[in-house]
C-alpha atoms as a PDB file:
ATOM      1  CA  MET A   1      -0.057  -0.031  -0.101  1.00  0.00           C
ATOM      2  CA  MET A   2       3.097   2.355  -0.395  1.00  0.00           C
ATOM      3  CA  THR A   3       2.271   5.182  -2.674  1.00  0.00           C
ATOM      4  CA  ALA A   4       4.591   7.803  -4.219  1.00  0.00           C
ATOM      5  CA  ASN A   5       3.536  10.106  -1.436  1.00  0.00           C
ATOM      6  CA  THR A   6       4.552   7.982   1.412  1.00  0.00           C
ATOM      7  CA  LEU A   7       7.762   7.455   3.262  1.00  0.00           C
ATOM      8  CA  THR A   8       9.054   4.597   5.442  1.00  0.00           C
ATOM      9  CA  ILE A   9      10.308   5.399   8.791  1.00  0.00           C
ATOM     10  CA  GLY A  10      13.959   5.039   7.656  1.00  0.00           C
ATOM     11  CA  LYS A  11      13.414   7.468   4.749  1.00  0.00           C
ATOM     12  CA  LEU A  12      11.738   9.940   6.986  1.00  0.00           C
ATOM     13  CA  ALA A  13      14.561   9.804   9.525  1.00  0.00           C
ATOM     14  CA  ALA A  14      16.982  10.228   6.700  1.00  0.00           C
ATOM     15  CA  ARG A  15      15.181  13.282   5.235  1.00  0.00           C
ATOM     16  CA  GLY A  16      14.667  14.747   8.565  1.00  0.00           C
ATOM     17  CA  GLY A  17      18.341  14.246   9.743  1.00  0.00           C
ATOM     18  CA  VAL A  18      17.377  12.090  12.856  1.00  0.00           C
ATOM     19  CA  ASN A  19      17.285   8.554  13.697  1.00  0.00           C
ATOM     20  CA  VAL A  20      14.500   6.019  13.662  1.00  0.00           C
ATOM     21  CA  GLN A  21      14.345   5.950  17.470  1.00  0.00           C
ATOM     22  CA  THR A  22      13.774   9.688  17.433  1.00  0.00           C
ATOM     23  CA  ILE A  23      10.766   9.503  15.182  1.00  0.00           C
ATOM     24  CA  ARG A  24       9.352   6.671  17.327  1.00  0.00           C
ATOM     25  CA  TYR A  25       9.833   8.801  20.265  1.00  0.00           C
ATOM     26  CA  TYR A  26       8.098  11.606  18.733  1.00  0.00           C
ATOM     27  CA  GLU A  27       5.211   9.500  18.113  1.00  0.00           C
ATOM     28  CA  ARG A  28       4.773   8.293  21.482  1.00  0.00           C
ATOM     29  CA  SER A  29       5.120  12.029  22.654  1.00  0.00           C
ATOM     30  CA  GLY A  30       2.293  12.960  20.392  1.00  0.00           C
ATOM     31  CA  LEU A  31       4.508  15.284  18.243  1.00  0.00           C
ATOM     32  CA  LEU A  32       4.075  13.236  15.156  1.00  0.00           C
ATOM     33  CA  PRO A  33       0.794  11.612  14.399  1.00  0.00           C
ATOM     34  CA  GLU A  34       0.512   7.976  14.406  1.00  0.00           C
ATOM     35  CA  PRO A  35       1.226   6.947  10.669  1.00  0.00           C
ATOM     36  CA  GLN A  36      -0.783   4.586   8.602  1.00  0.00           C
ATOM     37  CA  ARG A  37       0.569   1.112   8.335  1.00  0.00           C
ATOM     38  CA  ALA A  38       1.075  -1.002   5.278  1.00  0.00           C
ATOM     39  CA  THR A  39      -0.282  -4.575   5.147  1.00  0.00           C
ATOM     40  CA  SER A  40       3.340  -5.866   6.218  1.00  0.00           C
ATOM     41  CA  GLY A  41       3.042  -3.553   9.411  1.00  0.00           C
ATOM     42  CA  TYR A  42       5.427  -1.044   8.216  1.00  0.00           C
ATOM     43  CA  ARG A  43       4.838   2.709   9.019  1.00  0.00           C
ATOM     44  CA  LEU A  44       4.030   4.805   6.221  1.00  0.00           C
ATOM     45  CA  TYR A  45       4.349   8.553   6.627  1.00  0.00           C
ATOM     46  CA  ALA A  46       2.831  11.303   4.405  1.00  0.00           C
ATOM     47  CA  ASP A  47       5.210  13.914   2.727  1.00  0.00           C
ATOM     48  CA  ASP A  48       4.072  16.447   5.387  1.00  0.00           C
ATOM     49  CA  ALA A  49       5.717  14.531   8.185  1.00  0.00           C
ATOM     50  CA  VAL A  50       9.048  15.933   6.826  1.00  0.00           C
ATOM     51  CA  ARG A  51       7.777  19.357   7.410  1.00  0.00           C
ATOM     52  CA  ARG A  52       6.540  18.525  10.827  1.00  0.00           C
ATOM     53  CA  LEU A  53       9.833  16.927  11.711  1.00  0.00           C
ATOM     54  CA  ASN A  54      11.636  20.082  10.466  1.00  0.00           C
ATOM     55  CA  PHE A  55       9.517  22.171  12.568  1.00  0.00           C
ATOM     56  CA  ILE A  56      10.303  20.267  15.680  1.00  0.00           C
ATOM     57  CA  ARG A  57      13.930  20.205  14.947  1.00  0.00           C
ATOM     58  CA  GLN A  58      14.122  23.999  14.230  1.00  0.00           C
ATOM     59  CA  ALA A  59      12.115  24.572  17.444  1.00  0.00           C
ATOM     60  CA  GLN A  60      14.483  22.558  19.533  1.00  0.00           C
ATOM     61  CA  LEU A  61      17.472  24.443  18.122  1.00  0.00           C
ATOM     62  CA  LEU A  62      15.627  27.615  19.358  1.00  0.00           C
ATOM     63  CA  GLY A  63      15.648  26.191  22.874  1.00  0.00           C
ATOM     64  CA  PHE A  64      11.866  25.031  23.045  1.00  0.00           C
ATOM     65  CA  SER A  65      11.168  21.910  24.921  1.00  0.00           C
ATOM     66  CA  LEU A  66       9.104  19.154  23.594  1.00  0.00           C
ATOM     67  CA  SER A  67       6.099  20.148  25.624  1.00  0.00           C
ATOM     68  CA  GLU A  68       6.471  23.736  24.240  1.00  0.00           C
ATOM     69  CA  ILE A  69       6.787  22.478  20.737  1.00  0.00           C
ATOM     70  CA  GLN A  70       3.608  20.507  21.115  1.00  0.00           C
ATOM     71  CA  ASP A  71       1.890  23.696  22.283  1.00  0.00           C
ATOM     72  CA  LEU A  72       3.260  25.502  19.228  1.00  0.00           C
ATOM     73  CA  LEU A  73       2.028  22.719  17.118  1.00  0.00           C
ATOM     74  CA  SER A  74      -1.454  22.755  18.485  1.00  0.00           C
ATOM     75  CA  LEU A  75      -1.714  26.626  17.852  1.00  0.00           C
ATOM     76  CA  ARG A  76      -1.252  25.961  14.302  1.00  0.00           C
ATOM     77  CA  ILE A  77      -4.461  23.807  14.219  1.00  0.00           C
ATOM     78  CA  GLU A  78      -6.621  25.391  16.838  1.00  0.00           C
ATOM     79  CA  SER A  79      -9.235  27.858  15.506  1.00  0.00           C
ATOM     80  CA  GLY A  80      -9.094  31.275  16.825  1.00  0.00           C
ATOM     81  CA  THR A  81      -5.362  31.453  17.402  1.00  0.00           C
ATOM     82  CA  THR A  82      -3.425  34.183  15.873  1.00  0.00           C
ATOM     83  CA  CYS A  83       0.267  35.241  15.457  1.00  0.00           C
ATOM     84  CA  VAL A  84      -0.207  36.986  18.780  1.00  0.00           C
ATOM     85  CA  ASP A  85      -0.444  33.666  20.534  1.00  0.00           C
ATOM     86  CA  VAL A  86       2.750  32.425  18.849  1.00  0.00           C
ATOM     87  CA  ARG A  87       4.395  35.709  19.514  1.00  0.00           C
ATOM     88  CA  GLN A  88       3.396  35.451  23.187  1.00  0.00           C
ATOM     89  CA  ARG A  89       5.158  31.993  23.332  1.00  0.00           C
ATOM     90  CA  ALA A  90       8.189  33.160  21.714  1.00  0.00           C
ATOM     91  CA  GLY A  91       8.471  36.174  24.032  1.00  0.00           C
ATOM     92  CA  GLN A  92       8.116  33.880  27.000  1.00  0.00           C
ATOM     93  CA  LYS A  93      10.904  31.659  25.711  1.00  0.00           C
ATOM     94  CA  ILE A  94      13.145  34.931  25.445  1.00  0.00           C
ATOM     95  CA  VAL A  95      12.400  35.755  29.074  1.00  0.00           C
ATOM     96  CA  ALA A  96      13.417  32.255  30.015  1.00  0.00           C
ATOM     97  CA  ILE A  97      16.632  32.316  27.961  1.00  0.00           C
ATOM     98  CA  ASP A  98      17.530  35.776  29.567  1.00  0.00           C
ATOM     99  CA  SER A  99      17.143  34.095  32.906  1.00  0.00           C
ATOM    100  CA  LYS A 100      19.160  31.175  32.126  1.00  0.00           C
ATOM    101  CA  ILE A 101      21.995  33.492  30.723  1.00  0.00           C
ATOM    102  CA  ALA A 102      21.896  35.361  34.127  1.00  0.00           C
ATOM    103  CA  ASP A 103      22.290  32.051  35.854  1.00  0.00           C
ATOM    104  CA  LEU A 104      25.185  30.872  33.712  1.00  0.00           C
ATOM    105  CA  GLN A 105      26.899  34.283  34.183  1.00  0.00           C
ATOM    106  CA  ARG A 106      26.632  34.021  37.918  1.00  0.00           C
ATOM    107  CA  ILE A 107      27.936  30.474  37.707  1.00  0.00           C
ATOM    108  CA  LYS A 108      30.958  31.569  35.572  1.00  0.00           C
ATOM    109  CA  ARG A 109      31.691  34.514  38.073  1.00  0.00           C
ATOM    110  CA  ALA A 110      31.777  31.930  40.972  1.00  0.00           C
ATOM    111  CA  LEU A 111      33.908  29.530  39.082  1.00  0.00           C
ATOM    112  CA  THR A 112      36.178  32.307  37.974  1.00  0.00           C
ATOM    113  CA  LYS A 113      36.817  33.274  41.653  1.00  0.00           C
ATOM    114  CA  LEU A 114      37.465  29.791  42.603  1.00  0.00           C
ATOM    115  CA  VAL A 115      39.799  29.191  39.923  1.00  0.00           C
ATOM    116  CA  ALA A 116      41.750  32.370  40.803  1.00  0.00           C
ATOM    117  CA  ARG A 117      42.062  31.152  44.516  1.00  0.00           C
ATOM    118  CA  CYS A 118      43.676  27.839  43.456  1.00  0.00           C
ATOM    119  CA  ARG A 119      47.442  27.640  42.808  1.00  0.00           C
ATOM    120  CA  GLY A 120      47.115  24.531  41.019  1.00  0.00           C
ATOM    121  CA  ASN A 121      49.685  22.823  43.073  1.00  0.00           C
ATOM    122  CA  GLY A 122      49.658  20.903  46.469  1.00  0.00           C
ATOM    123  CA  PRO A 123      47.493  17.977  47.529  1.00  0.00           C
ATOM    124  CA  THR A 124      43.624  17.903  46.844  1.00  0.00           C
ATOM    125  CA  SER A 125      43.147  18.062  50.638  1.00  0.00           C
ATOM    126  CA  GLU A 126      44.174  21.716  50.364  1.00  0.00           C
ATOM    127  CA  CYS A 127      42.465  22.632  47.220  1.00  0.00           C
ATOM    128  CA  PRO A 128      40.310  25.737  47.518  1.00  0.00           C
ATOM    129  CA  ILE A 129      37.928  24.633  44.767  1.00  0.00           C
ATOM    130  CA  LEU A 130      37.121  21.213  46.352  1.00  0.00           C
ATOM    131  CA  ASP A 131      37.004  22.875  49.849  1.00  0.00           C
ATOM    132  CA  ALA A 132      34.429  25.559  48.574  1.00  0.00           C
ATOM    133  CA  LEU A 133      32.319  22.780  46.945  1.00  0.00           C
ATOM    134  CA  GLU A 134      32.082  21.055  50.349  1.00  0.00           C
ATOM    135  CA  SER A 135      30.924  24.255  52.245  1.00  0.00           C
ATOM    136  CA  ARG A 136      28.052  26.538  51.480  1.00  0.00           C
ATOM    137  CA  MET A 137      29.161  28.913  48.752  1.00  0.00           C
ATOM    138  CA  ASP A 138      27.805  32.509  49.420  1.00  0.00           C
ATOM    139  CA  SER A 139      26.802  34.492  46.200  1.00  0.00           C
ATOM    140  CA  GLN A 140      30.314  34.378  44.730  1.00  0.00           C
END
């Protein structure tokens, strides 16, 4: 029952740049719809599955979680949603990214201070980095 417009899971994986297990995972997660099956039991995907897979991958590259991607995909099909709804989700993602950047900068400052305290010689029992990790680190 394979037609010119259907892809096997292997071909979909190759065209989407992912492995077969990823596609199966996306199916279980509801990100990819359950495909039709050939009489042999092979999964047969429509051509639009490649577009959806590309959407998922691009959204991941922008830092969206699979749950957030599911939300974005649902906005595409829900009646009454507009670009404002999508823009709001993207804005929320920017706020979350800014927060992560601030956290990473704080972590970097703390590590930089710890590295500066360490001479790099002597036994590990006298290592200021290990000592600091064992004790409560104040906002360094």
